[in-house]
Amino acid sequence: MPNPPPKWDQYYPGGPQQQAADWNASQHDQIYQDPGTHAGPIGPTGPTGIIGPTGITGPTGSLGPTGTVLSGSNQASFCASNTVNTSLTPQDTIIPFTIGGGNTFQKGNYFNNINHNWTPPVGVVLLQAQCLFQVTLGSISTGGGTLSVSLYKNNNIILSKAYNVPKGYDVGSAQNFFMGIGIIDISSGIDIYDIRCLAGVTNSPLVSLIGTPGLTFFAGTLLA
C-alpha cells in the first residue's frame, strides 16, 4: 500500500504539532528574559518548609573576672561612737552613733551616719554595743525604774539588756551605769541594725546616755 499523502503527517510544516509549538513559543516570547543569560524572572517564593531538629549545644564560654571579696583588714566592719549626751525617755530612742573622729572607723561604707545604722553584706555578722547611762536629779523614791539598751534589726528588737533601778535608790549625785550587749546574727544584705535605749524610771529623774568615745560605742564586723 502506498504511503499516505503528506496531509496525514502531523509534524509536517504547518501541521497541528508545529502550530502548537509555534503558539507555545509565542507565549514565552512575551515573558521578559535577561538579554545576557536569557533567564526569565524569579518566580514566587514557595511555602516555608518544616523546622529542622535543634542543633547541638555550643561550648561553654570563658569565665568572667573574679570579683573582689572583702577580707582580712578590708572585711566589712565598723566602730561608731556617740559624741553627744542623749536625754532618754520611757520609749526607745535611736542613739546617734556616727563614724568620725577618734576611736571610730569603717570598712566597706555600710554604716549610715545620718540614720545611725549599719546594713552589712550577706553573711554572718557580730554586733556589739556598750552604753554609759547617767542618772541625776533627786531620788527614785516612788517605784524604781528600768534602764535598757536594745539592738534592733529592721525595727524589731533581737537583743535587749535591762537594769532595774530599785525603789528609793538615792541619786542625789550623778550615778553611772554601764551596759553592754553582743550577738552573732545572719544578715541578708538588706537588714538594718541600730541601737536604742530607754529610761523607764519614776519621779522624773534626768537620765542621759553619755556621749564619750570609747565608753559609748556601737561596733560590728562581717565574720563570713
Protein backbone atom coordinates (compact mmCIF):
# COMPACT_ATOMS: atom_id res chain seq x y z
CA MET A 1 0.00 0.00 0.00
CA PRO A 2 1.45 3.40 -0.89
CA ASN A 3 2.38 5.90 1.86
CA PRO A 4 -0.40 8.26 2.94
CA PRO A 5 -0.34 11.68 1.42
CA PRO A 6 1.68 14.35 3.34
CA LYS A 7 -1.52 15.87 4.77
CA TRP A 8 -1.68 12.98 7.25
CA ASP A 9 1.86 13.78 8.65
CA GLN A 10 1.18 15.66 11.92
CA TYR A 11 4.71 17.06 12.03
CA TYR A 12 4.90 18.48 8.56
CA PRO A 13 5.45 22.27 8.40
CA GLY A 14 2.16 23.92 9.22
CA GLY A 15 0.77 20.76 10.82
CA PRO A 16 -1.06 20.68 14.21
CA GLN A 17 2.05 19.85 16.26
CA GLN A 18 4.04 22.60 14.60
CA GLN A 19 1.24 25.04 15.18
CA ALA A 20 1.14 24.15 18.89
CA ALA A 21 4.89 24.58 19.19
CA ASP A 22 4.75 27.92 17.46
CA TRP A 23 1.97 29.10 19.81
CA ASN A 24 3.89 27.99 22.93
CA ALA A 25 6.99 29.81 21.74
CA SER A 26 4.97 32.95 21.11
CA GLN A 27 3.72 32.87 24.72
CA HIS A 28 7.25 32.60 26.11
CA ASP A 29 8.38 35.44 23.90
CA GLN A 30 6.10 37.72 25.91
CA ILE A 31 7.98 36.96 29.18
CA TYR A 32 10.96 39.18 29.96
CA GLN A 33 14.33 37.49 29.59
CA ASP A 34 17.74 38.78 30.62
CA PRO A 35 19.43 39.65 27.33
CA GLY A 36 22.71 38.21 28.54
CA THR A 37 21.57 34.94 30.05
CA HIS A 38 18.07 34.69 28.58
CA ALA A 39 16.90 33.88 32.12
CA GLY A 40 13.31 34.63 32.95
CA PRO A 41 12.07 36.48 36.08
CA ILE A 42 12.26 34.88 39.54
CA GLY A 43 9.09 33.04 40.42
CA PRO A 44 7.12 33.49 43.67
CA THR A 45 8.55 32.13 46.93
CA GLY A 46 7.28 28.71 47.85
CA PRO A 47 5.82 27.77 51.25
CA THR A 48 8.11 27.59 54.33
CA GLY A 49 9.43 24.14 54.98
CA ILE A 50 9.17 22.33 58.31
CA ILE A 51 11.61 23.26 61.11
CA GLY A 52 14.63 21.04 61.32
CA PRO A 53 15.95 19.45 64.52
CA THR A 54 17.68 21.55 67.19
CA GLY A 55 21.42 21.71 66.80
CA ILE A 56 23.89 20.62 69.44
CA THR A 57 24.80 22.98 72.31
CA GLY A 58 27.89 25.06 71.71
CA PRO A 59 30.90 25.11 74.02
CA THR A 60 30.77 26.87 77.42
CA GLY A 61 32.10 30.43 77.34
CA SER A 62 35.13 31.54 79.28
CA LEU A 63 34.82 32.53 82.96
CA GLY A 64 34.45 36.20 83.81
CA PRO A 65 36.88 38.02 86.09
CA THR A 66 36.88 37.16 89.79
CA GLY A 67 35.07 39.73 91.96
CA THR A 68 36.66 41.48 94.92
CA VAL A 69 35.86 39.87 98.27
CA LEU A 70 36.40 41.97 101.37
CA SER A 71 38.55 40.01 103.77
CA GLY A 72 41.20 40.44 106.39
CA SER A 73 41.83 44.12 107.11
CA ASN A 74 39.27 45.03 104.41
CA GLN A 75 36.44 42.94 105.87
CA ALA A 76 33.18 44.90 106.18
CA SER A 77 33.26 46.31 109.71
CA PHE A 78 32.82 49.49 111.73
CA CYS A 79 33.05 51.13 115.12
CA ALA A 80 30.90 54.19 115.77
CA SER A 81 30.75 56.47 118.80
CA ASN A 82 28.13 58.67 120.40
CA THR A 83 29.73 62.08 120.90
CA VAL A 84 26.81 63.98 122.47
CA ASN A 85 24.77 63.32 125.60
CA THR A 86 21.30 61.96 124.70
CA SER A 87 18.34 62.51 127.05
CA LEU A 88 16.28 59.34 127.43
CA THR A 89 12.55 58.73 127.88
CA PRO A 90 10.41 55.64 128.61
CA GLN A 91 10.31 55.00 124.85
CA ASP A 92 13.24 53.54 122.93
CA THR A 93 15.38 56.24 121.37
CA ILE A 94 17.81 55.63 118.49
CA ILE A 95 21.27 56.55 119.72
CA PRO A 96 23.03 58.90 117.27
CA PHE A 97 26.17 56.88 116.71
CA THR A 98 28.44 58.27 113.99
CA ILE A 99 31.69 57.49 112.22
CA GLY A 100 34.28 60.25 112.51
CA GLY A 101 36.93 61.27 114.98
CA GLY A 102 38.94 59.14 117.32
CA ASN A 103 38.07 55.53 118.08
CA THR A 104 35.84 55.25 115.01
CA PHE A 105 36.32 53.61 111.60
CA GLN A 106 34.52 51.62 108.96
CA LYS A 107 35.42 49.28 106.12
CA GLY A 108 33.10 48.94 103.13
CA ASN A 109 30.98 52.08 103.68
CA TYR A 110 27.96 50.20 105.10
CA PHE A 111 27.35 52.45 108.09
CA ASN A 112 24.83 55.28 107.66
CA ASN A 113 25.92 58.39 109.58
CA ILE A 114 22.57 60.12 109.00
CA ASN A 115 20.30 57.31 110.23
CA HIS A 116 22.90 55.89 112.65
CA ASN A 117 22.56 52.29 111.46
CA TRP A 118 24.55 49.53 109.75
CA THR A 119 23.48 47.48 106.71
CA PRO A 120 26.19 44.84 106.21
CA PRO A 121 26.60 42.48 103.22
CA VAL A 122 25.16 38.97 103.19
CA GLY A 123 26.75 36.71 105.79
CA VAL A 124 27.31 36.03 109.47
CA VAL A 125 27.84 39.21 111.48
CA LEU A 126 28.99 40.04 115.01
CA LEU A 127 27.47 43.14 116.63
CA GLN A 128 28.39 44.74 119.95
CA ALA A 129 27.40 47.86 121.84
CA GLN A 130 28.22 49.50 125.15
CA CYS A 131 26.27 52.34 126.71
CA LEU A 132 27.03 54.61 129.68
CA PHE A 133 23.88 55.80 131.45
CA GLN A 134 23.90 58.69 133.91
CA VAL A 135 21.06 59.31 136.37
CA THR A 136 20.87 62.67 138.17
CA LEU A 137 18.42 65.00 139.96
CA GLY A 138 16.71 63.63 143.03
CA SER A 139 15.93 60.11 144.16
CA ILE A 140 13.82 57.38 142.61
CA SER A 141 11.54 57.08 145.61
CA THR A 142 8.17 56.06 144.24
CA GLY A 143 8.76 52.80 142.43
CA GLY A 144 12.20 52.37 140.94
CA GLY A 145 12.63 52.07 137.20
CA THR A 146 14.38 50.42 134.29
CA LEU A 147 17.29 51.34 132.08
CA SER A 148 17.75 49.29 128.91
CA VAL A 149 19.84 49.03 125.78
CA SER A 150 18.46 47.12 122.76
CA LEU A 151 19.73 46.00 119.37
CA TYR A 152 17.13 46.45 116.65
CA LYS A 153 17.04 44.65 113.30
CA ASN A 154 14.62 46.10 110.76
CA ASN A 155 12.79 47.96 113.57
CA ASN A 156 12.39 44.81 115.69
CA ILE A 157 14.26 44.01 118.90
CA ILE A 158 16.56 40.99 118.56
CA LEU A 159 18.52 41.54 121.78
CA SER A 160 17.95 43.63 124.90
CA LYS A 161 19.55 44.10 128.29
CA ALA A 162 17.99 45.97 131.21
CA TYR A 163 18.97 47.18 134.65
CA ASN A 164 16.23 47.59 137.22
CA VAL A 165 16.89 50.59 139.44
CA PRO A 166 15.50 49.73 142.92
CA LYS A 167 12.82 51.77 144.63
CA GLY A 168 14.26 54.50 146.85
CA TYR A 169 17.60 54.49 145.03
CA ASP A 170 19.38 57.70 146.07
CA VAL A 171 20.58 59.67 143.06
CA GLY A 172 21.22 62.94 144.80
CA SER A 173 24.50 62.95 142.94
CA ALA A 174 25.20 61.63 139.44
CA GLN A 175 25.24 57.85 139.21
CA ASN A 176 26.64 55.99 136.20
CA PHE A 177 25.61 52.60 134.86
CA PHE A 178 27.41 50.64 132.13
CA MET A 179 25.53 48.13 130.00
CA GLY A 180 26.82 46.15 127.07
CA ILE A 181 25.28 43.68 124.60
CA GLY A 182 26.57 41.48 121.80
CA ILE A 183 25.16 38.97 119.33
CA ILE A 184 26.05 36.89 116.28
CA ASP A 185 23.41 37.14 113.55
CA ILE A 186 22.86 36.35 109.87
CA SER A 187 22.46 39.32 107.54
CA SER A 188 20.51 39.07 104.28
CA GLY A 189 22.38 42.01 102.79
CA ILE A 190 19.47 44.43 103.30
CA ASP A 191 18.97 44.10 107.07
CA ILE A 192 19.33 47.31 109.08
CA TYR A 193 20.81 47.29 112.59
CA ASP A 194 20.70 50.11 115.15
CA ILE A 195 20.97 50.65 118.91
CA ARG A 196 18.16 52.14 121.02
CA CYS A 197 17.95 52.96 124.72
CA LEU A 198 15.23 53.92 127.18
CA ALA A 199 14.87 55.05 130.77
CA GLY A 200 11.58 53.97 132.32
CA VAL A 201 12.11 55.47 135.74
CA THR A 202 9.66 57.19 138.10
CA ASN A 203 9.82 60.52 139.88
CA SER A 204 11.18 62.12 136.71
CA PRO A 205 14.91 61.98 137.35
CA LEU A 206 17.09 63.10 134.46
CA VAL A 207 18.61 60.12 132.63
CA SER A 208 21.13 60.59 129.84
CA LEU A 209 23.26 58.42 127.66
CA ILE A 210 26.74 59.86 127.97
CA GLY A 211 28.41 60.65 124.65
CA THR A 212 32.01 59.72 125.34
CA PRO A 213 34.01 57.94 122.60
CA GLY A 214 35.29 54.61 123.84
CA LEU A 215 32.67 54.43 126.61
CA THR A 216 29.52 54.53 124.49
CA PHE A 217 30.01 52.74 121.15
CA PHE A 218 28.39 50.52 118.54
CA ALA A 219 30.54 48.10 116.52
CA GLY A 220 30.13 45.25 114.06
CA THR A 221 32.00 43.04 111.64
CA LEU A 222 31.21 40.53 108.89
CA LEU A 223 32.56 37.17 110.03
CA ALA A 224 31.86 35.02 106.96
